[in-house]
PDB file of N, CA and C in Angstrom:
ATOM      1  N   MET A   1      40.157 -16.820  44.121  1.00  0.00           N
ATOM      2  CA  MET A   1      39.334 -15.890  44.876  1.00  0.00           C
ATOM      3  C   MET A   1      37.873 -16.108  44.474  1.00  0.00           C
ATOM      4  N   THR A   2      37.023 -16.261  45.479  1.00  0.00           N
ATOM      5  CA  THR A   2      35.609 -16.450  45.203  1.00  0.00           C
ATOM      6  C   THR A   2      34.960 -15.116  44.834  1.00  0.00           C
ATOM      7  N   ALA A   3      33.775 -15.204  44.287  1.00  0.00           N
ATOM      8  CA  ALA A   3      33.050 -13.984  43.915  1.00  0.00           C
ATOM      9  C   ALA A   3      32.746 -13.145  45.158  1.00  0.00           C
ATOM     10  N   ARG A   4      32.399 -13.815  46.263  1.00  0.00           N
ATOM     11  CA  ARG A   4      32.094 -13.091  47.506  1.00  0.00           C
ATOM     12  C   ARG A   4      33.343 -12.369  48.013  1.00  0.00           C
ATOM     13  N   THR A   5      34.472 -13.051  47.978  1.00  0.00           N
ATOM     14  CA  THR A   5      35.728 -12.449  48.429  1.00  0.00           C
ATOM     15  C   THR A   5      36.084 -11.247  47.559  1.00  0.00           C
ATOM     16  N   ALA A   6      35.914 -11.385  46.251  1.00  0.00           N
ATOM     17  CA  ALA A   6      36.211 -10.285  45.331  1.00  0.00           C
ATOM     18  C   ALA A   6      35.291  -9.091  45.595  1.00  0.00           C
ATOM     19  N   THR A   7      34.012  -9.369  45.860  1.00  0.00           N
ATOM     20  CA  THR A   7      33.053  -8.305  46.144  1.00  0.00           C
ATOM     21  C   THR A   7      33.433  -7.567  47.426  1.00  0.00           C
ATOM     22  N   VAL A   8      33.796  -8.333  48.447  1.00  0.00           N
ATOM     23  CA  VAL A   8      34.185  -7.729  49.718  1.00  0.00           C
ATOM     24  C   VAL A   8      35.454  -6.908  49.548  1.00  0.00           C
ATOM     25  N   GLU A   9      36.453  -7.474  48.872  1.00  0.00           N
ATOM     26  CA  GLU A   9      37.704  -6.739  48.698  1.00  0.00           C
ATOM     27  C   GLU A   9      37.481  -5.438  47.932  1.00  0.00           C
ATOM     28  N   LYS A  10      36.650  -5.492  46.903  1.00  0.00           N
ATOM     29  CA  LYS A  10      36.357  -4.283  46.129  1.00  0.00           C
ATOM     30  C   LYS A  10      35.676  -3.238  47.016  1.00  0.00           C
ATOM     31  N   ALA A  11      34.703  -3.661  47.807  1.00  0.00           N
ATOM     32  CA  ALA A  11      33.985  -2.731  48.689  1.00  0.00           C
ATOM     33  C   ALA A  11      34.916  -2.138  49.742  1.00  0.00           C
ATOM     34  N   VAL A  12      35.804  -2.959  50.301  1.00  0.00           N
ATOM     35  CA  VAL A  12      36.740  -2.478  51.315  1.00  0.00           C
ATOM     36  C   VAL A  12      37.701  -1.464  50.705  1.00  0.00           C
ATOM     37  N   ARG A  13      38.212  -1.768  49.527  1.00  0.00           N
ATOM     38  CA  ARG A  13      39.143  -0.839  48.874  1.00  0.00           C
ATOM     39  C   ARG A  13      38.448   0.471  48.489  1.00  0.00           C
ATOM     40  N   GLU A  14      37.190   0.391  48.035  1.00  0.00           N
ATOM     41  CA  GLU A  14      36.437   1.609  47.716  1.00  0.00           C
ATOM     42  C   GLU A  14      36.171   2.419  48.978  1.00  0.00           C
ATOM     43  N   ALA A  15      35.855   1.728  50.066  1.00  0.00           N
ATOM     44  CA  ALA A  15      35.623   2.412  51.347  1.00  0.00           C
ATOM     45  C   ALA A  15      36.905   3.096  51.820  1.00  0.00           C
ATOM     46  N   LEU A  16      38.029   2.423  51.638  1.00  0.00           N
ATOM     47  CA  LEU A  16      39.311   3.008  52.017  1.00  0.00           C
ATOM     48  C   LEU A  16      39.591   4.265  51.198  1.00  0.00           C
ATOM     49  N   LYS A  17      39.269   4.221  49.911  1.00  0.00           N
ATOM     50  CA  LYS A  17      39.451   5.402  49.052  1.00  0.00           C
ATOM     51  C   LYS A  17      38.550   6.556  49.505  1.00  0.00           C
ATOM     52  N   ALA A  18      37.351   6.221  49.999  1.00  0.00           N
ATOM     53  CA  ALA A  18      36.441   7.262  50.478  1.00  0.00           C
ATOM     54  C   ALA A  18      36.994   7.920  51.744  1.00  0.00           C
ATOM     55  N   VAL A  19      37.618   7.123  52.593  1.00  0.00           N
ATOM     56  CA  VAL A  19      38.169   7.640  53.841  1.00  0.00           C
ATOM     57  C   VAL A  19      39.494   8.358  53.615  1.00  0.00           C
ATOM     58  N   ARG A  20      40.307   7.805  52.724  1.00  0.00           N
ATOM     59  CA  ARG A  20      41.629   8.378  52.414  1.00  0.00           C
ATOM     60  C   ARG A  20      41.755   8.554  50.901  1.00  0.00           C
ATOM     61  N   PRO A  21      41.107   9.560  50.329  1.00  0.00           N
ATOM     62  CA  PRO A  21      41.126   9.748  48.874  1.00  0.00           C
ATOM     63  C   PRO A  21      42.519   9.982  48.312  1.00  0.00           C
ATOM     64  N   ASP A  22      43.450  10.392  49.151  1.00  0.00           N
ATOM     65  CA  ASP A  22      44.815  10.676  48.711  1.00  0.00           C
ATOM     66  C   ASP A  22      45.679   9.422  48.588  1.00  0.00           C
ATOM     67  N   ILE A  23      45.157   8.299  48.991  1.00  0.00           N
ATOM     68  CA  ILE A  23      45.958   7.074  49.029  1.00  0.00           C
ATOM     69  C   ILE A  23      45.988   6.407  47.659  1.00  0.00           C
ATOM     70  N   GLY A  24      47.123   5.866  47.321  1.00  0.00           N
ATOM     71  CA  GLY A  24      47.276   5.176  46.039  1.00  0.00           C
ATOM     72  C   GLY A  24      46.937   3.704  46.167  1.00  0.00           C
ATOM     73  N   ASP A  25      47.566   2.888  45.329  1.00  0.00           N
ATOM     74  CA  ASP A  25      47.379   1.443  45.388  1.00  0.00           C
ATOM     75  C   ASP A  25      47.954   0.902  46.683  1.00  0.00           C
ATOM     76  N   ILE A  26      47.222   0.039  47.340  1.00  0.00           N
ATOM     77  CA  ILE A  26      47.635  -0.511  48.626  1.00  0.00           C
ATOM     78  C   ILE A  26      47.765  -2.018  48.519  1.00  0.00           C
ATOM     79  N   ASP A  27      48.875  -2.532  49.018  1.00  0.00           N
ATOM     80  CA  ASP A  27      49.086  -3.976  49.108  1.00  0.00           C
ATOM     81  C   ASP A  27      48.181  -4.525  50.200  1.00  0.00           C
ATOM     82  N   GLY A  28      47.650  -5.715  50.001  1.00  0.00           N
ATOM     83  CA  GLY A  28      46.762  -6.323  50.983  1.00  0.00           C
ATOM     84  C   GLY A  28      47.407  -6.559  52.331  1.00  0.00           C
ATOM     85  N   GLY A  29      48.716  -6.708  52.348  1.00  0.00           N
ATOM     86  CA  GLY A  29      49.424  -6.939  53.595  1.00  0.00           C
ATOM     87  C   GLY A  29      49.755  -5.674  54.368  1.00  0.00           C
ATOM     88  N   ALA A  30      49.366  -4.528  53.822  1.00  0.00           N
ATOM     89  CA  ALA A  30      49.664  -3.251  54.483  1.00  0.00           C
ATOM     90  C   ALA A  30      48.864  -3.126  55.776  1.00  0.00           C
ATOM     91  N   GLU A  31      49.545  -2.680  56.827  1.00  0.00           N
ATOM     92  CA  GLU A  31      48.884  -2.480  58.108  1.00  0.00           C
ATOM     93  C   GLU A  31      48.067  -1.191  58.071  1.00  0.00           C
ATOM     94  N   LEU A  32      46.824  -1.291  58.533  1.00  0.00           N
ATOM     95  CA  LEU A  32      45.888  -0.176  58.454  1.00  0.00           C
ATOM     96  C   LEU A  32      46.391   1.065  59.191  1.00  0.00           C
ATOM     97  N   VAL A  33      46.949   0.878  60.358  1.00  0.00           N
ATOM     98  CA  VAL A  33      47.379   2.025  61.157  1.00  0.00           C
ATOM     99  C   VAL A  33      48.810   2.418  60.824  1.00  0.00           C
ATOM    100  N   ARG A  34      49.722   1.463  60.906  1.00  0.00           N
ATOM    101  CA  ARG A  34      51.143   1.798  60.770  1.00  0.00           C
ATOM    102  C   ARG A  34      51.531   2.186  59.351  1.00  0.00           C
ATOM    103  N   GLU A  35      51.077   1.429  58.354  1.00  0.00           N
ATOM    104  CA  GLU A  35      51.507   1.695  56.976  1.00  0.00           C
ATOM    105  C   GLU A  35      50.544   2.597  56.209  1.00  0.00           C
ATOM    106  N   ILE A  36      49.255   2.355  56.362  1.00  0.00           N
ATOM    107  CA  ILE A  36      48.278   3.179  55.649  1.00  0.00           C
ATOM    108  C   ILE A  36      48.058   4.502  56.380  1.00  0.00           C
ATOM    109  N   GLY A  37      48.273   4.502  57.680  1.00  0.00           N
ATOM    110  CA  GLY A  37      48.210   5.736  58.451  1.00  0.00           C
ATOM    111  C   GLY A  37      46.831   6.126  58.938  1.00  0.00           C
ATOM    112  N   LEU A  38      45.933   5.155  59.098  1.00  0.00           N
ATOM    113  CA  LEU A  38      44.606   5.477  59.601  1.00  0.00           C
ATOM    114  C   LEU A  38      44.663   5.726  61.102  1.00  0.00           C
ATOM    115  N   ASP A  39      43.966   6.769  61.539  1.00  0.00           N
ATOM    116  CA  ASP A  39      43.818   6.968  62.978  1.00  0.00           C
ATOM    117  C   ASP A  39      42.509   6.307  63.420  1.00  0.00           C
ATOM    118  N   SER A  40      42.195   6.361  64.695  1.00  0.00           N
ATOM    119  CA  SER A  40      41.023   5.638  65.201  1.00  0.00           C
ATOM    120  C   SER A  40      39.719   6.142  64.577  1.00  0.00           C
ATOM    121  N   VAL A  41      39.626   7.428  64.342  1.00  0.00           N
ATOM    122  CA  VAL A  41      38.413   7.976  63.718  1.00  0.00           C
ATOM    123  C   VAL A  41      38.297   7.475  62.275  1.00  0.00           C
ATOM    124  N   GLN A  42      39.399   7.458  61.555  1.00  0.00           N
ATOM    125  CA  GLN A  42      39.373   6.974  60.172  1.00  0.00           C
ATOM    126  C   GLN A  42      39.048   5.479  60.105  1.00  0.00           C
ATOM    127  N   VAL A  43      39.512   4.710  61.090  1.00  0.00           N
ATOM    128  CA  VAL A  43      39.164   3.283  61.124  1.00  0.00           C
ATOM    129  C   VAL A  43      37.659   3.131  61.284  1.00  0.00           C
ATOM    130  N   MET A  44      37.069   3.912  62.178  1.00  0.00           N
ATOM    131  CA  MET A  44      35.609   3.824  62.364  1.00  0.00           C
ATOM    132  C   MET A  44      34.867   4.331  61.126  1.00  0.00           C
ATOM    133  N   ASP A  45      35.374   5.366  60.484  1.00  0.00           N
ATOM    134  CA  ASP A  45      34.775   5.828  59.231  1.00  0.00           C
ATOM    135  C   ASP A  45      34.858   4.738  58.164  1.00  0.00           C
ATOM    136  N   LEU A  46      35.987   4.051  58.113  1.00  0.00           N
ATOM    137  CA  LEU A  46      36.172   2.952  57.164  1.00  0.00           C
ATOM    138  C   LEU A  46      35.149   1.853  57.429  1.00  0.00           C
ATOM    139  N   VAL A  47      34.975   1.496  58.671  1.00  0.00           N
ATOM    140  CA  VAL A  47      34.005   0.449  59.031  1.00  0.00           C
ATOM    141  C   VAL A  47      32.593   0.875  58.638  1.00  0.00           C
ATOM    142  N   MET A  48      32.242   2.124  58.893  1.00  0.00           N
ATOM    143  CA  MET A  48      30.899   2.601  58.517  1.00  0.00           C
ATOM    144  C   MET A  48      30.709   2.576  57.004  1.00  0.00           C
ATOM    145  N   GLU A  49      31.735   2.954  56.261  1.00  0.00           N
ATOM    146  CA  GLU A  49      31.671   2.896  54.791  1.00  0.00           C
ATOM    147  C   GLU A  49      31.459   1.457  54.330  1.00  0.00           C
ATOM    148  N   ILE A  50      32.190   0.527  54.929  1.00  0.00           N
ATOM    149  CA  ILE A  50      32.064  -0.896  54.564  1.00  0.00           C
ATOM    150  C   ILE A  50      30.659  -1.391  54.892  1.00  0.00           C
ATOM    151  N   GLU A  51      30.164  -1.031  56.062  1.00  0.00           N
ATOM    152  CA  GLU A  51      28.814  -1.448  56.459  1.00  0.00           C
ATOM    153  C   GLU A  51      27.777  -0.944  55.462  1.00  0.00           C
ATOM    154  N   ASP A  52      27.902   0.303  55.057  1.00  0.00           N
ATOM    155  CA  ASP A  52      26.958   0.874  54.100  1.00  0.00           C
ATOM    156  C   ASP A  52      27.053   0.192  52.739  1.00  0.00           C
ATOM    157  N   ARG A  53      28.261  -0.066  52.286  1.00  0.00           N
ATOM    158  CA  ARG A  53      28.457  -0.657  50.963  1.00  0.00           C
ATOM    159  C   ARG A  53      28.000  -2.103  50.887  1.00  0.00           C
ATOM    160  N   LEU A  54      28.162  -2.842  51.987  1.00  0.00           N
ATOM    161  CA  LEU A  54      27.828  -4.270  51.975  1.00  0.00           C
ATOM    162  C   LEU A  54      26.544  -4.597  52.739  1.00  0.00           C
ATOM    163  N   ASP A  55      25.915  -3.584  53.317  1.00  0.00           N
ATOM    164  CA  ASP A  55      24.690  -3.747  54.094  1.00  0.00           C
ATOM    165  C   ASP A  55      24.855  -4.811  55.177  1.00  0.00           C
ATOM    166  N   ILE A  56      25.919  -4.637  55.973  1.00  0.00           N
ATOM    167  CA  ILE A  56      26.183  -5.524  57.092  1.00  0.00           C
ATOM    168  C   ILE A  56      26.498  -4.681  58.315  1.00  0.00           C
ATOM    169  N   SER A  57      26.543  -5.326  59.465  1.00  0.00           N
ATOM    170  CA  SER A  57      26.970  -4.678  60.694  1.00  0.00           C
ATOM    171  C   SER A  57      28.254  -5.354  61.145  1.00  0.00           C
ATOM    172  N   VAL A  58      29.271  -4.567  61.401  1.00  0.00           N
ATOM    173  CA  VAL A  58      30.569  -5.101  61.806  1.00  0.00           C
ATOM    174  C   VAL A  58      30.714  -4.890  63.311  1.00  0.00           C
ATOM    175  N   PRO A  59      30.682  -5.991  64.091  1.00  0.00           N
ATOM    176  CA  PRO A  59      30.860  -5.852  65.536  1.00  0.00           C
ATOM    177  C   PRO A  59      32.265  -5.338  65.868  1.00  0.00           C
ATOM    178  N   VAL A  60      32.368  -4.528  66.891  1.00  0.00           N
ATOM    179  CA  VAL A  60      33.648  -3.950  67.273  1.00  0.00           C
ATOM    180  C   VAL A  60      34.672  -5.045  67.571  1.00  0.00           C
ATOM    181  N   GLU A  61      34.240  -6.151  68.178  1.00  0.00           N
ATOM    182  CA  GLU A  61      35.182  -7.221  68.514  1.00  0.00           C
ATOM    183  C   GLU A  61      35.803  -7.859  67.270  1.00  0.00           C
ATOM    184  N   THR A  62      35.157  -7.726  66.126  1.00  0.00           N
ATOM    185  CA  THR A  62      35.727  -8.230  64.881  1.00  0.00           C
ATOM    186  C   THR A  62      37.016  -7.483  64.549  1.00  0.00           C
ATOM    187  N   LEU A  63      37.089  -6.240  64.939  1.00  0.00           N
ATOM    188  CA  LEU A  63      38.244  -5.405  64.617  1.00  0.00           C
ATOM    189  C   LEU A  63      39.427  -5.597  65.562  1.00  0.00           C
ATOM    190  N   ALA A  64      39.202  -6.251  66.686  1.00  0.00           N
ATOM    191  CA  ALA A  64      40.223  -6.323  67.730  1.00  0.00           C
ATOM    192  C   ALA A  64      41.556  -6.897  67.253  1.00  0.00           C
ATOM    193  N   ASP A  65      41.531  -7.952  66.457  1.00  0.00           N
ATOM    194  CA  ASP A  65      42.758  -8.628  66.036  1.00  0.00           C
ATOM    195  C   ASP A  65      43.175  -8.283  64.613  1.00  0.00           C
ATOM    196  N   ILE A  66      42.451  -7.400  63.973  1.00  0.00           N
ATOM    197  CA  ILE A  66      42.730  -7.078  62.576  1.00  0.00           C
ATOM    198  C   ILE A  66      43.791  -5.989  62.494  1.00  0.00           C
ATOM    199  N   ARG A  67      44.817  -6.259  61.708  1.00  0.00           N
ATOM    200  CA  ARG A  67      45.894  -5.291  61.525  1.00  0.00           C
ATOM    201  C   ARG A  67      46.062  -4.875  60.064  1.00  0.00           C
ATOM    202  N   THR A  68      45.840  -5.806  59.132  1.00  0.00           N
ATOM    203  CA  THR A  68      46.113  -5.532  57.723  1.00  0.00           C
ATOM    204  C   THR A  68      44.833  -5.445  56.905  1.00  0.00           C
ATOM    205  N   LEU A  69      44.980  -4.933  55.703  1.00  0.00           N
ATOM    206  CA  LEU A  69      43.855  -4.845  54.781  1.00  0.00           C
ATOM    207  C   LEU A  69      43.318  -6.237  54.451  1.00  0.00           C
ATOM    208  N   ASP A  70      44.202  -7.209  54.217  1.00  0.00           N
ATOM    209  CA  ASP A  70      43.778  -8.586  53.935  1.00  0.00           C
ATOM    210  C   ASP A  70      43.012  -9.186  55.106  1.00  0.00           C
ATOM    211  N   GLN A  71      43.479  -8.939  56.316  1.00  0.00           N
ATOM    212  CA  GLN A  71      42.780  -9.452  57.498  1.00  0.00           C
ATOM    213  C   GLN A  71      41.397  -8.829  57.624  1.00  0.00           C
ATOM    214  N   LEU A  72      41.284  -7.552  57.317  1.00  0.00           N
ATOM    215  CA  LEU A  72      39.990  -6.882  57.349  1.00  0.00           C
ATOM    216  C   LEU A  72      39.045  -7.521  56.341  1.00  0.00           C
ATOM    217  N   CYS A  73      39.536  -7.742  55.129  1.00  0.00           N
ATOM    218  CA  CYS A  73      38.714  -8.380  54.096  1.00  0.00           C
ATOM    219  C   CYS A  73      38.267  -9.767  54.533  1.00  0.00           C
ATOM    220  N   ALA A  74      39.189 -10.554  55.094  1.00  0.00           N
ATOM    221  CA  ALA A  74      38.858 -11.908  55.541  1.00  0.00           C
ATOM    222  C   ALA A  74      37.804 -11.876  56.645  1.00  0.00           C
ATOM    223  N   GLY A  75      37.933 -10.938  57.572  1.00  0.00           N
ATOM    224  CA  GLY A  75      36.943 -10.816  58.640  1.00  0.00           C
ATOM    225  C   GLY A  75      35.578 -10.429  58.111  1.00  0.00           C
ATOM    226  N   ILE A  76      35.536  -9.542  57.138  1.00  0.00           N
ATOM    227  CA  ILE A  76      34.270  -9.110  56.538  1.00  0.00           C
ATOM    228  C   ILE A  76      33.650 -10.261  55.751  1.00  0.00           C
ATOM    229  N   VAL A  77      34.459 -11.024  55.035  1.00  0.00           N
ATOM    230  CA  VAL A  77      33.939 -12.192  54.300  1.00  0.00           C
ATOM    231  C   VAL A  77      33.278 -13.151  55.278  1.00  0.00           C
ATOM    232  N   GLN A  78      33.915 -13.412  56.411  1.00  0.00           N
ATOM    233  CA  GLN A  78      33.329 -14.314  57.400  1.00  0.00           C
ATOM    234  C   GLN A  78      32.007 -13.763  57.926  1.00  0.00           C
ATOM    235  N   LEU A  79      31.911 -12.468  58.125  1.00  0.00           N
ATOM    236  CA  LEU A  79      30.650 -11.861  58.567  1.00  0.00           C
ATOM    237  C   LEU A  79      29.578 -12.018  57.500  1.00  0.00           C
ATOM    238  N   ALA A  80      29.976 -11.800  56.257  1.00  0.00           N
ATOM    239  CA  ALA A  80      29.020 -11.893  55.151  1.00  0.00           C
ATOM    240  C   ALA A  80      28.523 -13.314  54.966  1.00  0.00           C
ATOM    241  N   VAL A  81      29.396 -14.289  55.221  1.00  0.00           N
ATOM    242  CA  VAL A  81      29.023 -15.698  55.090  1.00  0.00           C
ATOM    243  C   VAL A  81      28.183 -16.125  56.282  1.00  0.00           C
ATOM    244  N   GLY A  82      28.430 -15.497  57.426  1.00  0.00           N
ATOM    245  CA  GLY A  82      27.663 -15.827  58.608  1.00  0.00           C
ATOM    246  C   GLY A  82      28.270 -16.938  59.436  1.00  0.00           C
ATOM    247  N   THR A  83      29.541 -17.250  59.196  1.00  0.00           N
ATOM    248  CA  THR A  83      30.199 -18.276  59.986  1.00  0.00           C
ATOM    249  C   THR A  83      31.183 -17.629  60.931  1.00  0.00           C
ATOM    250  N   PRO A  84      31.522 -18.321  62.005  1.00  0.00           N
ATOM    251  CA  PRO A  84      32.485 -17.724  62.930  1.00  0.00           C
ATOM    252  C   PRO A  84      33.806 -17.465  62.238  1.00  0.00           C
ATOM    253  N   ARG A  85      34.397 -16.349  62.586  1.00  0.00           N
ATOM    254  CA  ARG A  85      35.659 -15.958  61.972  1.00  0.00           C
ATOM    255  C   ARG A  85      36.810 -16.705  62.629  1.00  0.00           C
ATOM    256  N   GLU A  86      37.658 -17.307  61.787  1.00  0.00           N
ATOM    257  CA  GLU A  86      38.851 -17.954  62.289  1.00  0.00           C
ATOM    258  C   GLU A  86      39.899 -16.881  62.532  1.00  0.00           C
ATOM    259  N   PRO A  87      40.813 -17.141  63.465  1.00  0.00           N
ATOM    260  CA  PRO A  87      41.884 -16.160  63.663  1.00  0.00           C
ATOM    261  C   PRO A  87      42.659 -15.925  62.372  1.00  0.00           C
ATOM    262  N   VAL A  88      42.956 -14.667  62.105  1.00  0.00           N
ATOM    263  CA  VAL A  88      43.708 -14.327  60.888  1.00  0.00           C
ATOM    264  C   VAL A  88      45.102 -13.916  61.224  1.00  0.00           C
TER     265      VAL A  88
END
């Protein structure tokens, strides 16, 4: 894991804790909606938390194919690097 990936994963997990403080340890493969139980408002709150923590803007289309925590982290890493995101 690169330093950038670790930074993004830490920020995403902290943002998730801010949105769902009652949640325990989450596996990276957990689905944001089905397993973690985020509703659409919580997903947008999560994205805003991530944007604030990493000082980036996450386009809505980035979220279209993202289902799991790992996929979210990978998409954010690609945004932070500035390269086009490969399908996850």
